Amino acid sequence: MITFSNVSLIYPHSTKTILENLSCEIEEGEMVLVMGETGSGKSSLLRLINGLVPHHTGGILAGDISVDGISTRTVKPGALAHLVGIVGQNPLNGFVTDIVEEELAFSMEALNFAPDVMRKRVEEVLDILGLTAIRHRSIATLSGGEQQRVAIGTALVMHPKVLVLDEPTSALDPIAAEEVLSVLHRLVHDLSVTVIIAEHRLERVIQFVDRIIYIEGNGETSIGLAEDILKRAELVPPIIRLARALNLDEIKTSVREVRRQTEDIRTRDFPASASSTRTSAPAIIVSDVSHSYYGKIALHKTNTTIGRGEIVAIMGRNGAGKSTLLHTIVGLHSPDSGSITVNGIDPVTLKGANRRRAIGYVPQEPSDLLFAQSVGDECAQADRDNELAPNSTWNLLNSLVPNISLNTHPNDLSEGQRLALVLSIVLSASPEVLVLDEPTRGLDYRAKNLFALALKEYAAQSNRPVLLATHDVELVAELADRVLFLAEGEIVADGSTLDVLLSSPAFAPQVAKIMSPKPWLTVSDVVTAIGNTE
């Protein structure tokens, strides 16, 4: 279905080759995962499949890519619309209408589909992706995860032979992600649709894929079965790190298979680990806060207190009210009722430099905070604003995601690189409170580990709290002291990370699922417990 023939790609002014002499075939009805470090070129490889690279993005391309016998060199991307459906990293950038149902129908209207065909396909996609309840909603009022499902739906209604998805689960809660991946799995097996996915959260997708294309950097790529690639790759999910830590004979990619391999460990007795509870003075106080959008209740009489030095994760389904709670805490709007104080101050009253020092905020769309013409200019401006030594912000960025050129325009960065840039700018101000909305979208495992270390160090300094809304259960297991679980605008669980994650099968991390009923969330928990008995 898709053939890469001696494909090489490099962008002008780039310091590295994206692809070098790549040759491979992707068969009809195959699901292939593209993996690699943040900024390694995964999105570029996907865009080669429908010709967006180099027709729209530029770049020097050698070799040839053909889809169903059509060379992408000879046609523009629009000529492949009937063959290739593509869902980008940032769905909001691709929408052209205001209402969900109209967005799903738009591409079919542009190609003059019959009204009865359009209606039938829209209804199918609404049911498949669980969008029926929001079909008449304005796209601007949807959560990030809901927008991502709409974007996937706009591709599915065209019944493409090839479906290309760039981090399709990055803004989805674990349940919604599982549903979307199950839909893709059915498309592959029932309709022989060819699916190519680029994803950083490998723990979600590796059990579904047939093969992996691993972009190793400097243009080198490896292609093979998931087990073979993951056996030697550096970027691996917790399930593989656990297998390595326990010296298991084989690399398996599903929870069920690894549970069978570790039965002897789970049946052994281990001393109970001491649970630690943190008590500290309150930094953020939320009292009976309610808020609505367009008549829809987003928060309902919400109460919580965040202590100094605490790292607190807010979790819940898409649309549960996580972002609304963060927006209220940082003072983007006043609540309809109730009150919020941040270190004794109403956040709505904070302005200018006082706001920057009081509250550091990273939104779901980090590019909203970028305005300069290059990475270097953004870092230099942050240094001046925060009265830091030159290159302080740049050094922080380089520690999170190395090898970004100072001359690169922020719009030319990958989603993960752009997020790392905004994180560096916000952290460089050393705010009294740090609030982050989906802070790991587009970050590989190495970058996430460094990010987690940076947040722990930040929280330890002067007892400053960190509040993050995320669907990344693996990050929460490694980082958070406490979890707030929201449902329909109300906090339905509030407790230690161990207690909350273990009590929720859907939101439990991989290690917890494998090692249940043992109270372990991470690979280090397992290694520590076993080490204490030897």
Protein backbone atom coordinates (compact mmCIF):
# COMPACT_ATOMS: atom_id res chain seq x y z
CA MET A 1 0.00 0.00 0.00
CA ILE A 2 2.81 2.43 0.93
CA THR A 3 6.33 2.17 -0.46
CA PHE A 4 9.37 4.20 0.59
CA SER A 5 12.16 3.90 -1.98
CA ASN A 6 15.58 5.24 -0.94
CA VAL A 7 13.98 8.21 0.80
CA SER A 8 16.20 10.90 2.31
CA LEU A 9 14.96 14.17 3.81
CA ILE A 10 16.67 17.23 5.22
CA TYR A 11 15.30 20.70 5.92
CA PRO A 12 17.19 23.90 4.96
CA HIS A 13 19.21 25.32 7.88
CA SER A 14 18.72 22.05 9.80
CA THR A 15 21.66 20.66 11.76
CA LYS A 16 20.71 17.05 11.16
CA THR A 17 19.29 14.71 8.53
CA ILE A 18 15.72 13.62 9.21
CA LEU A 19 15.76 10.44 7.10
CA GLU A 20 18.63 8.81 5.25
CA ASN A 21 18.03 6.24 2.50
CA LEU A 22 14.84 4.77 3.99
CA SER A 23 13.36 1.87 2.04
CA CYS A 24 10.38 -0.14 3.29
CA GLU A 25 6.90 -1.31 2.40
CA ILE A 26 3.80 -1.01 4.53
CA GLU A 27 1.19 -3.55 3.55
CA GLU A 28 -2.55 -3.08 3.24
CA GLY A 29 -4.29 -3.68 6.57
CA GLU A 30 -1.15 -3.19 8.66
CA MET A 31 -0.85 -1.05 11.79
CA VAL A 32 2.59 0.52 12.11
CA LEU A 33 3.96 2.61 14.98
CA VAL A 34 6.50 5.38 14.32
CA MET A 35 8.58 6.05 17.43
CA GLY A 36 11.61 8.17 18.27
CA GLU A 37 12.82 11.01 20.44
CA THR A 38 11.07 14.37 20.62
CA GLY A 39 11.91 16.26 17.41
CA SER A 40 13.45 13.22 15.71
CA GLY A 41 11.27 13.52 12.59
CA LYS A 42 8.22 11.34 13.27
CA SER A 43 5.77 14.00 12.07
CA SER A 44 7.86 14.59 8.95
CA LEU A 45 7.74 10.90 8.08
CA LEU A 46 3.95 10.91 8.45
CA ARG A 47 3.58 14.00 6.27
CA LEU A 48 5.65 12.39 3.54
CA ILE A 49 2.86 9.84 3.12
CA ASN A 50 0.34 12.37 1.79
CA GLY A 51 2.85 14.82 0.30
CA LEU A 52 2.56 17.63 2.85
CA VAL A 53 6.33 17.20 2.99
CA PRO A 54 7.84 18.67 0.90
CA HIS A 55 4.95 20.26 -1.10
CA HIS A 56 3.79 22.50 1.77
CA THR A 57 6.64 22.47 4.26
CA GLY A 58 9.68 22.63 2.00
CA GLY A 59 12.73 20.47 2.52
CA ILE A 60 15.09 18.58 0.25
CA LEU A 61 13.67 15.16 -0.62
CA ALA A 62 15.43 12.35 -2.44
CA GLY A 63 13.87 9.05 -3.41
CA ASP A 64 10.17 8.34 -3.85
CA ILE A 65 7.06 7.59 -1.78
CA SER A 66 4.06 5.94 -3.40
CA VAL A 67 0.61 5.31 -1.94
CA ASP A 68 -1.56 2.72 -3.68
CA GLY A 69 0.68 3.13 -6.73
CA ILE A 70 0.52 6.95 -6.81
CA SER A 71 3.78 8.83 -6.32
CA THR A 72 3.51 11.74 -3.90
CA ARG A 73 6.01 13.59 -6.10
CA THR A 74 3.58 13.78 -9.00
CA VAL A 75 0.43 14.94 -7.18
CA LYS A 76 -0.45 17.56 -4.60
CA PRO A 77 -1.73 16.45 -1.16
CA GLY A 78 -5.32 17.28 -2.13
CA ALA A 79 -5.23 14.64 -4.86
CA LEU A 80 -4.62 11.98 -2.19
CA ALA A 81 -7.50 13.08 0.07
CA HIS A 82 -9.63 10.09 -1.02
CA LEU A 83 -6.79 7.71 -0.10
CA VAL A 84 -5.08 9.21 2.94
CA GLY A 85 -6.72 10.62 6.06
CA ILE A 86 -4.38 12.52 8.35
CA VAL A 87 -4.82 13.75 11.92
CA GLY A 88 -2.19 16.20 13.12
CA GLN A 89 -0.68 16.80 16.56
CA ASN A 90 -2.77 19.91 17.12
CA PRO A 91 -6.36 19.24 15.98
CA LEU A 92 -7.51 22.82 16.58
CA ASN A 93 -5.31 24.03 13.73
CA GLY A 94 -7.18 21.83 11.24
CA PHE A 95 -10.80 22.72 11.96
CA VAL A 96 -12.66 24.88 9.45
CA THR A 97 -16.18 25.07 10.91
CA ASP A 98 -17.60 25.92 14.33
CA ILE A 99 -19.93 23.00 15.12
CA VAL A 100 -18.91 19.36 15.61
CA GLU A 101 -21.47 17.87 13.21
CA GLU A 102 -20.66 20.45 10.52
CA GLU A 103 -16.94 19.73 10.86
CA LEU A 104 -17.52 16.02 10.32
CA ALA A 105 -19.54 16.72 7.18
CA PHE A 106 -17.32 19.44 5.71
CA SER A 107 -14.83 17.32 3.78
CA MET A 108 -17.63 15.25 2.25
CA GLU A 109 -19.49 18.40 1.23
CA ALA A 110 -16.34 19.69 -0.46
CA LEU A 111 -16.24 16.53 -2.59
CA ASN A 112 -19.99 16.63 -3.39
CA PHE A 113 -21.02 13.47 -1.55
CA ALA A 114 -24.73 12.61 -1.71
CA PRO A 115 -26.65 13.92 1.35
CA ASP A 116 -27.84 10.44 2.40
CA VAL A 117 -24.26 9.10 2.29
CA MET A 118 -23.03 12.05 4.32
CA ARG A 119 -25.73 11.61 6.96
CA LYS A 120 -25.05 7.90 7.32
CA ARG A 121 -21.27 8.35 7.67
CA VAL A 122 -21.62 11.18 10.19
CA GLU A 123 -23.92 9.04 12.35
CA GLU A 124 -21.49 6.11 12.15
CA VAL A 125 -18.54 8.21 13.31
CA LEU A 126 -20.53 9.90 16.08
CA ASP A 127 -21.34 6.45 17.47
CA ILE A 128 -17.88 4.95 16.97
CA LEU A 129 -16.07 7.78 18.75
CA GLY A 130 -18.69 8.55 21.40
CA LEU A 131 -19.39 12.05 20.06
CA THR A 132 -23.19 11.92 19.93
CA ALA A 133 -23.65 13.98 23.09
CA ILE A 134 -21.56 16.86 21.70
CA ARG A 135 -22.67 16.78 18.05
CA HIS A 136 -24.26 20.25 18.27
CA ARG A 137 -21.57 21.80 20.46
CA SER A 138 -19.22 24.56 19.36
CA ILE A 139 -15.73 23.14 18.81
CA ALA A 140 -14.25 26.08 20.73
CA THR A 141 -16.07 24.95 23.90
CA LEU A 142 -14.79 21.37 23.79
CA SER A 143 -11.98 20.01 25.92
CA GLY A 144 -8.68 19.15 24.25
CA GLY A 145 -9.51 15.44 24.28
CA GLU A 146 -12.94 16.00 22.77
CA GLN A 147 -11.37 18.09 20.01
CA GLN A 148 -8.92 15.27 19.32
CA ARG A 149 -11.75 12.77 18.88
CA VAL A 150 -13.53 15.15 16.51
CA ALA A 151 -10.34 15.45 14.45
CA ILE A 152 -10.09 11.66 14.20
CA GLY A 153 -13.73 11.58 13.17
CA THR A 154 -13.17 14.05 10.31
CA ALA A 155 -10.61 11.62 8.88
CA LEU A 156 -12.72 8.50 9.41
CA VAL A 157 -15.82 9.84 7.60
CA MET A 158 -13.89 9.78 4.32
CA HIS A 159 -13.35 6.01 4.61
CA PRO A 160 -9.66 6.35 3.69
CA LYS A 161 -7.51 3.36 2.72
CA VAL A 162 -4.66 4.86 4.73
CA LEU A 163 -5.07 6.60 8.08
CA VAL A 164 -2.14 8.62 9.43
CA LEU A 165 -2.30 9.83 13.04
CA ASP A 166 0.19 12.01 14.88
CA GLU A 167 -0.10 11.36 18.64
CA PRO A 168 -3.83 10.55 18.47
CA THR A 169 -4.14 9.73 22.19
CA SER A 170 -2.03 12.53 23.68
CA ALA A 171 -5.03 14.51 24.96
CA LEU A 172 -7.30 11.54 25.68
CA ASP A 173 -8.01 9.97 29.04
CA PRO A 174 -7.05 6.27 29.31
CA ILE A 175 -10.60 5.05 28.65
CA ALA A 176 -11.11 7.25 25.57
CA ALA A 177 -7.63 6.32 24.30
CA GLU A 178 -8.43 2.62 24.62
CA GLU A 179 -11.69 3.14 22.74
CA VAL A 180 -10.00 5.05 19.90
CA LEU A 181 -7.23 2.46 19.56
CA SER A 182 -9.81 -0.32 19.57
CA VAL A 183 -11.64 1.44 16.74
CA LEU A 184 -8.40 1.69 14.77
CA HIS A 185 -7.71 -1.98 15.48
CA ARG A 186 -11.14 -2.89 14.08
CA LEU A 187 -10.56 -0.77 10.99
CA VAL A 188 -7.30 -2.62 10.36
CA HIS A 189 -8.69 -6.12 10.89
CA ASP A 190 -12.23 -5.73 9.53
CA LEU A 191 -11.75 -3.23 6.68
CA SER A 192 -8.02 -3.64 5.90
CA VAL A 193 -7.35 0.05 6.48
CA THR A 194 -3.62 0.77 6.75
CA VAL A 195 -2.89 2.75 9.93
CA ILE A 196 0.35 4.58 10.72
CA ILE A 197 0.64 6.12 14.19
CA ALA A 198 3.33 8.32 15.71
CA GLU A 199 3.07 8.19 19.48
CA HIS A 200 5.18 8.87 22.57
CA ARG A 201 2.93 7.02 25.02
CA LEU A 202 4.06 3.62 23.82
CA GLU A 203 2.38 1.84 26.73
CA ARG A 204 -0.96 2.60 25.07
CA VAL A 205 -0.25 1.39 21.55
CA ILE A 206 2.42 -1.33 21.42
CA GLN A 207 -0.05 -4.16 22.03
CA PHE A 208 -2.01 -3.14 18.92
CA VAL A 209 0.76 -2.62 16.33
CA ASP A 210 2.19 -5.09 13.83
CA ARG A 211 5.53 -3.38 13.27
CA ILE A 212 7.56 -0.41 14.46
CA ILE A 213 9.54 2.17 12.50
CA TYR A 214 12.13 3.48 14.96
CA ILE A 215 13.72 6.81 14.01
CA GLU A 216 17.03 6.67 15.84
CA GLY A 217 18.41 10.09 14.91
CA ASN A 218 20.85 11.35 12.28
CA GLY A 219 18.65 9.82 9.60
CA GLU A 220 18.97 6.23 10.79
CA THR A 221 15.85 4.09 11.03
CA SER A 222 15.06 0.53 12.11
CA ILE A 223 11.99 -1.44 11.06
CA GLY A 224 10.76 -4.66 12.63
CA LEU A 225 8.36 -6.44 14.95
CA ALA A 226 7.53 -4.63 18.18
CA GLU A 227 9.31 -7.20 20.36
CA ASP A 228 12.50 -7.01 18.28
CA ILE A 229 12.68 -3.20 18.21
CA LEU A 230 11.80 -2.76 21.90
CA LYS A 231 14.40 -5.33 22.92
CA ARG A 232 17.20 -2.88 22.13
CA ALA A 233 15.54 0.56 22.00
CA GLU A 234 16.32 3.21 24.61
CA LEU A 235 12.82 4.72 24.56
CA VAL A 236 10.64 1.98 26.03
CA PRO A 237 7.42 1.93 28.09
CA PRO A 238 7.26 0.75 31.71
CA ILE A 239 6.26 -2.78 30.71
CA ILE A 240 9.58 -3.22 28.88
CA ARG A 241 11.62 -1.54 31.62
CA LEU A 242 10.01 -3.94 34.10
CA ALA A 243 10.94 -6.95 31.95
CA ARG A 244 14.53 -5.72 31.79
CA ALA A 245 14.69 -5.01 35.52
CA LEU A 246 13.41 -8.51 36.34
CA ASN A 247 15.60 -10.19 33.67
CA LEU A 248 12.60 -11.88 32.06
CA ASP A 249 13.41 -14.36 29.31
CA GLU A 250 11.22 -12.74 26.64
CA ILE A 251 10.00 -9.25 25.83
CA LYS A 252 6.21 -9.14 25.80
CA THR A 253 3.98 -6.17 24.94
CA SER A 254 0.73 -6.87 26.80
CA VAL A 255 -0.17 -6.77 30.49
CA ARG A 256 -1.65 -10.27 30.31
CA GLU A 257 1.53 -11.83 28.94
CA VAL A 258 3.81 -10.14 31.49
CA ARG A 259 1.47 -11.07 34.36
CA ARG A 260 1.96 -14.70 33.38
CA GLN A 261 5.73 -14.20 33.37
CA THR A 262 5.75 -12.61 36.85
CA GLU A 263 3.33 -14.88 38.70
CA ASP A 264 6.09 -16.22 40.99
CA ILE A 265 6.92 -12.67 42.14
CA ARG A 266 3.31 -11.69 42.79
CA THR A 267 2.70 -14.74 44.97
CA ARG A 268 5.66 -14.02 47.26
CA ASP A 269 5.31 -12.16 50.55
CA PHE A 270 6.92 -8.75 50.85
CA PRO A 271 7.04 -6.41 53.85
CA ALA A 272 4.51 -3.61 53.66
CA SER A 273 6.03 -0.30 52.66
CA ALA A 274 5.53 2.57 55.03
CA SER A 275 3.09 5.16 53.67
CA SER A 276 4.13 8.75 54.12
CA THR A 277 1.68 11.61 54.49
CA ARG A 278 2.60 15.20 53.81
CA THR A 279 1.25 17.98 55.96
CA SER A 280 2.05 21.55 55.03
CA ALA A 281 0.60 25.02 55.16
CA PRO A 282 -2.03 25.69 52.47
CA ALA A 283 -0.93 27.56 49.35
CA ILE A 284 -4.08 27.22 47.20
CA ILE A 285 -7.55 27.21 48.76
CA VAL A 286 -10.60 26.40 46.62
CA SER A 287 -13.89 27.01 48.43
CA ASP A 288 -17.29 26.02 47.00
CA VAL A 289 -16.28 27.00 43.46
CA SER A 290 -18.83 26.61 40.68
CA HIS A 291 -18.49 27.65 37.05
CA SER A 292 -20.51 27.19 33.86
CA TYR A 293 -19.93 27.67 30.13
CA TYR A 294 -22.92 28.40 27.89
CA GLY A 295 -25.26 26.82 30.43
CA LYS A 296 -23.09 23.69 30.88
CA ILE A 297 -21.82 23.14 34.42
CA ALA A 298 -18.05 22.71 34.38
CA LEU A 299 -17.42 22.90 38.15
CA HIS A 300 -19.94 22.31 40.93
CA LYS A 301 -19.19 23.39 44.52
CA THR A 302 -15.60 22.23 44.32
CA ASN A 303 -13.50 22.31 47.48
CA THR A 304 -9.82 21.46 47.88
CA THR A 305 -6.61 22.71 49.44
CA ILE A 306 -3.13 22.40 47.92
CA GLY A 307 -0.29 22.54 50.43
CA ARG A 308 3.13 24.10 50.01
CA GLY A 309 5.62 21.71 48.44
CA GLU A 310 2.90 19.32 47.25
CA ILE A 311 2.82 17.92 43.72
CA VAL A 312 -0.85 17.31 42.98
CA ALA A 313 -2.25 15.69 39.82
CA ILE A 314 -5.79 16.40 38.61
CA MET A 315 -7.21 13.48 36.66
CA GLY A 316 -10.53 12.48 35.13
CA ARG A 317 -12.28 11.87 31.86
CA ASN A 318 -12.17 14.36 28.99
CA GLY A 319 -14.56 17.19 29.79
CA ALA A 320 -14.61 16.46 33.53
CA GLY A 321 -13.64 20.06 34.40
CA LYS A 322 -9.87 19.76 34.88
CA SER A 323 -8.89 22.69 32.66
CA THR A 324 -11.71 24.84 34.04
CA LEU A 325 -10.41 24.28 37.57
CA LEU A 326 -6.90 25.28 36.47
CA HIS A 327 -8.18 28.37 34.63
CA THR A 328 -9.99 29.45 37.77
CA ILE A 329 -6.98 28.87 40.00
CA VAL A 330 -4.66 30.91 37.78
CA GLY A 331 -7.24 33.73 37.53
CA LEU A 332 -8.14 33.55 33.85
CA HIS A 333 -11.73 34.07 34.96
CA SER A 334 -13.65 34.52 38.18
CA PRO A 335 -15.84 31.63 39.34
CA ASP A 336 -19.60 32.01 39.13
CA SER A 337 -19.69 31.36 42.88
CA GLY A 338 -17.25 30.49 45.62
CA SER A 339 -13.71 31.77 46.05
CA ILE A 340 -10.07 30.91 45.33
CA THR A 341 -6.94 32.25 46.98
CA VAL A 342 -3.33 31.63 45.94
CA ASN A 343 -0.98 32.41 48.82
CA GLY A 344 -3.75 34.54 50.29
CA ILE A 345 -4.43 36.54 47.08
CA ASP A 346 -7.36 36.39 44.66
CA PRO A 347 -5.57 35.35 41.42
CA VAL A 348 -7.87 37.52 39.26
CA THR A 349 -6.32 40.63 40.81
CA LEU A 350 -2.76 39.72 39.80
CA LYS A 351 -1.29 41.71 36.90
CA GLY A 352 1.94 41.89 34.90
CA ALA A 353 5.21 40.98 36.62
CA ASN A 354 3.39 40.26 39.88
CA ARG A 355 1.33 37.58 38.12
CA ARG A 356 4.42 36.07 36.48
CA ARG A 357 6.19 35.76 39.84
CA ALA A 358 3.09 34.55 41.70
CA ILE A 359 1.75 31.92 39.27
CA GLY A 360 3.53 30.08 36.48
CA TYR A 361 0.99 28.65 34.03
CA VAL A 362 1.50 26.38 31.02
CA PRO A 363 -1.76 26.00 29.02
CA GLN A 364 -2.83 23.08 26.84
CA GLU A 365 -1.75 25.10 23.79
CA PRO A 366 1.75 26.26 24.82
CA SER A 367 2.24 28.25 21.61
CA ASP A 368 -0.23 30.80 23.03
CA LEU A 369 2.65 32.05 25.21
CA LEU A 370 5.18 32.41 22.36
CA PHE A 371 5.55 35.60 20.33
CA ALA A 372 9.21 36.02 19.28
CA GLN A 373 10.72 35.08 15.93
CA SER A 374 13.22 32.51 17.19
CA VAL A 375 13.94 30.17 20.08
CA GLY A 376 16.94 32.31 21.00
CA ASP A 377 14.81 35.46 21.17
CA GLU A 378 12.25 33.73 23.41
CA CYS A 379 14.95 32.52 25.81
CA ALA A 380 16.72 35.90 25.86
CA GLN A 381 13.44 37.72 26.58
CA ALA A 382 12.72 35.34 29.47
CA ASP A 383 16.20 36.02 30.88
CA ARG A 384 15.58 39.78 30.73
CA ASP A 385 12.07 39.58 32.18
CA ASN A 386 13.25 37.47 35.09
CA GLU A 387 16.59 39.29 35.57
CA LEU A 388 18.62 36.14 34.98
CA ALA A 389 22.11 35.64 33.63
CA PRO A 390 22.24 35.30 29.82
CA ASN A 391 21.49 31.79 28.52
CA SER A 392 19.84 30.66 31.78
CA THR A 393 16.55 29.80 30.06
CA TRP A 394 18.36 28.29 27.09
CA ASN A 395 20.39 26.01 29.36
CA LEU A 396 17.20 24.80 31.03
CA LEU A 397 15.62 24.10 27.63
CA ASN A 398 18.72 22.26 26.43
CA SER A 399 18.62 20.03 29.51
CA LEU A 400 15.03 18.99 28.71
CA VAL A 401 15.26 18.66 24.92
CA PRO A 402 18.80 19.03 23.55
CA ASN A 403 19.91 20.03 20.06
CA ILE A 404 17.26 22.66 19.32
CA SER A 405 18.72 25.44 17.18
CA LEU A 406 18.56 28.95 18.66
CA ASN A 407 17.66 30.28 15.19
CA THR A 408 14.58 28.05 14.77
CA HIS A 409 11.21 29.79 14.67
CA PRO A 410 8.93 28.43 17.45
CA ASN A 411 6.30 27.49 14.86
CA ASP A 412 8.83 25.17 13.21
CA LEU A 413 9.39 23.15 16.39
CA SER A 414 7.63 19.88 17.05
CA GLU A 415 4.82 19.94 19.63
CA GLY A 416 7.12 18.43 22.23
CA GLN A 417 9.94 20.89 21.55
CA ARG A 418 7.52 23.82 21.70
CA LEU A 419 6.14 22.58 25.02
CA ALA A 420 9.67 22.21 26.42
CA LEU A 421 10.42 25.80 25.36
CA VAL A 422 7.35 27.15 27.18
CA LEU A 423 8.13 25.04 30.26
CA SER A 424 11.64 26.48 30.33
CA ILE A 425 10.34 30.05 30.03
CA VAL A 426 7.79 29.58 32.81
CA LEU A 427 10.18 27.72 35.13
CA SER A 428 12.88 30.34 34.65
CA ALA A 429 10.64 32.86 36.45
CA SER A 430 10.64 30.64 39.59
CA PRO A 431 6.97 31.39 40.32
CA GLU A 432 5.51 30.78 43.77
CA VAL A 433 2.93 28.35 42.33
CA LEU A 434 3.26 26.24 39.18
CA VAL A 435 0.15 25.15 37.24
CA LEU A 436 0.38 22.93 34.15
CA ASP A 437 -2.31 21.67 31.78
CA GLU A 438 -1.32 18.43 29.96
CA PRO A 439 2.41 19.22 30.34
CA THR A 440 3.85 16.11 28.64
CA ARG A 441 2.17 16.09 25.21
CA GLY A 442 4.88 15.42 22.64
CA LEU A 443 7.61 14.56 25.16
CA ASP A 444 9.50 11.26 24.91
CA TYR A 445 10.33 9.17 27.97
CA ARG A 446 13.76 10.71 28.46
CA ALA A 447 12.39 14.25 28.31
CA LYS A 448 9.55 13.30 30.67
CA ASN A 449 12.00 11.91 33.22
CA LEU A 450 14.03 15.13 33.13
CA PHE A 451 10.83 17.15 33.34
CA ALA A 452 9.72 15.18 36.41
CA LEU A 453 13.10 15.77 38.07
CA ALA A 454 12.82 19.50 37.33
CA LEU A 455 9.35 19.64 38.92
CA LYS A 456 10.48 17.73 42.01
CA GLU A 457 13.40 20.12 42.41
CA TYR A 458 11.10 23.10 41.92
CA ALA A 459 8.62 21.82 44.56
CA ALA A 460 11.42 21.17 47.03
CA GLN A 461 12.69 24.74 46.76
CA SER A 462 10.96 26.96 49.32
CA ASN A 463 8.04 24.51 49.56
CA ARG A 464 6.33 25.60 46.34
CA PRO A 465 3.29 23.63 45.08
CA VAL A 466 2.86 22.08 41.64
CA LEU A 467 -0.60 21.43 40.23
CA LEU A 468 -0.93 19.56 36.94
CA ALA A 469 -3.91 18.28 34.97
CA THR A 470 -2.92 15.22 32.97
CA HIS A 471 -4.02 11.93 31.46
CA ASP A 472 -0.49 10.56 31.69
CA VAL A 473 -0.93 7.97 34.45
CA GLU A 474 2.70 6.86 34.18
CA LEU A 475 3.89 10.41 34.90
CA VAL A 476 1.48 10.70 37.84
CA ALA A 477 2.76 7.42 39.30
CA GLU A 478 6.35 8.66 39.16
CA LEU A 479 5.78 12.28 40.17
CA ALA A 480 2.65 13.12 42.16
CA ASP A 481 2.22 13.06 45.93
CA ARG A 482 -1.55 13.27 45.67
CA VAL A 483 -4.33 12.86 43.10
CA LEU A 484 -7.63 14.71 42.73
CA PHE A 485 -10.09 12.84 40.52
CA LEU A 486 -12.81 14.91 38.86
CA ALA A 487 -16.10 13.74 37.34
CA GLU A 488 -18.72 16.12 35.93
CA GLY A 489 -17.15 19.07 37.70
CA GLU A 490 -16.97 17.47 41.14
CA ILE A 491 -14.04 15.97 43.04
CA VAL A 492 -14.96 12.32 43.56
CA ALA A 493 -11.60 11.13 44.92
CA ASP A 494 -8.85 12.92 46.79
CA GLY A 495 -6.00 10.94 48.27
CA SER A 496 -2.44 9.67 47.95
CA THR A 497 -1.31 8.69 44.47
CA LEU A 498 -0.99 5.05 45.52
CA ASP A 499 -4.52 4.85 46.93
CA VAL A 500 -6.28 6.67 44.10
CA LEU A 501 -4.50 4.95 41.19
CA LEU A 502 -4.75 1.45 42.67
CA SER A 503 -8.49 1.91 43.23
CA SER A 504 -9.12 2.77 39.56
CA PRO A 505 -8.45 -0.06 37.07
CA ALA A 506 -8.87 2.30 34.11
CA PHE A 507 -6.38 4.87 35.42
CA ALA A 508 -3.86 2.44 36.93
CA PRO A 509 -0.34 2.50 35.44
CA GLN A 510 1.08 -0.53 33.63
CA VAL A 511 3.16 -1.82 36.53
CA ALA A 512 0.16 -1.69 38.88
CA LYS A 513 -1.92 -3.75 36.42
CA ILE A 514 0.86 -6.31 35.99
CA MET A 515 1.69 -6.63 39.69
CA SER A 516 -1.83 -6.42 41.17
CA PRO A 517 -2.67 -7.00 44.00
CA LYS A 518 0.80 -5.86 45.11
CA PRO A 519 0.74 -2.10 45.93
CA TRP A 520 3.37 -1.09 43.36
CA LEU A 521 2.98 1.69 40.81
CA THR A 522 6.40 1.96 39.17
CA VAL A 523 9.35 -0.18 38.14
CA SER A 524 11.41 1.35 40.95
CA ASP A 525 8.71 0.30 43.45
CA VAL A 526 9.06 -3.32 42.29
CA VAL A 527 12.85 -3.26 42.30
CA THR A 528 12.95 -1.71 45.77
CA ALA A 529 10.48 -4.24 47.21
CA ILE A 530 12.35 -7.20 45.77
CA GLY A 531 15.71 -5.77 46.83
CA ASN A 532 14.51 -5.40 50.42
CA THR A 533 13.86 -9.15 50.64
CA GLU A 534 17.15 -10.34 49.16
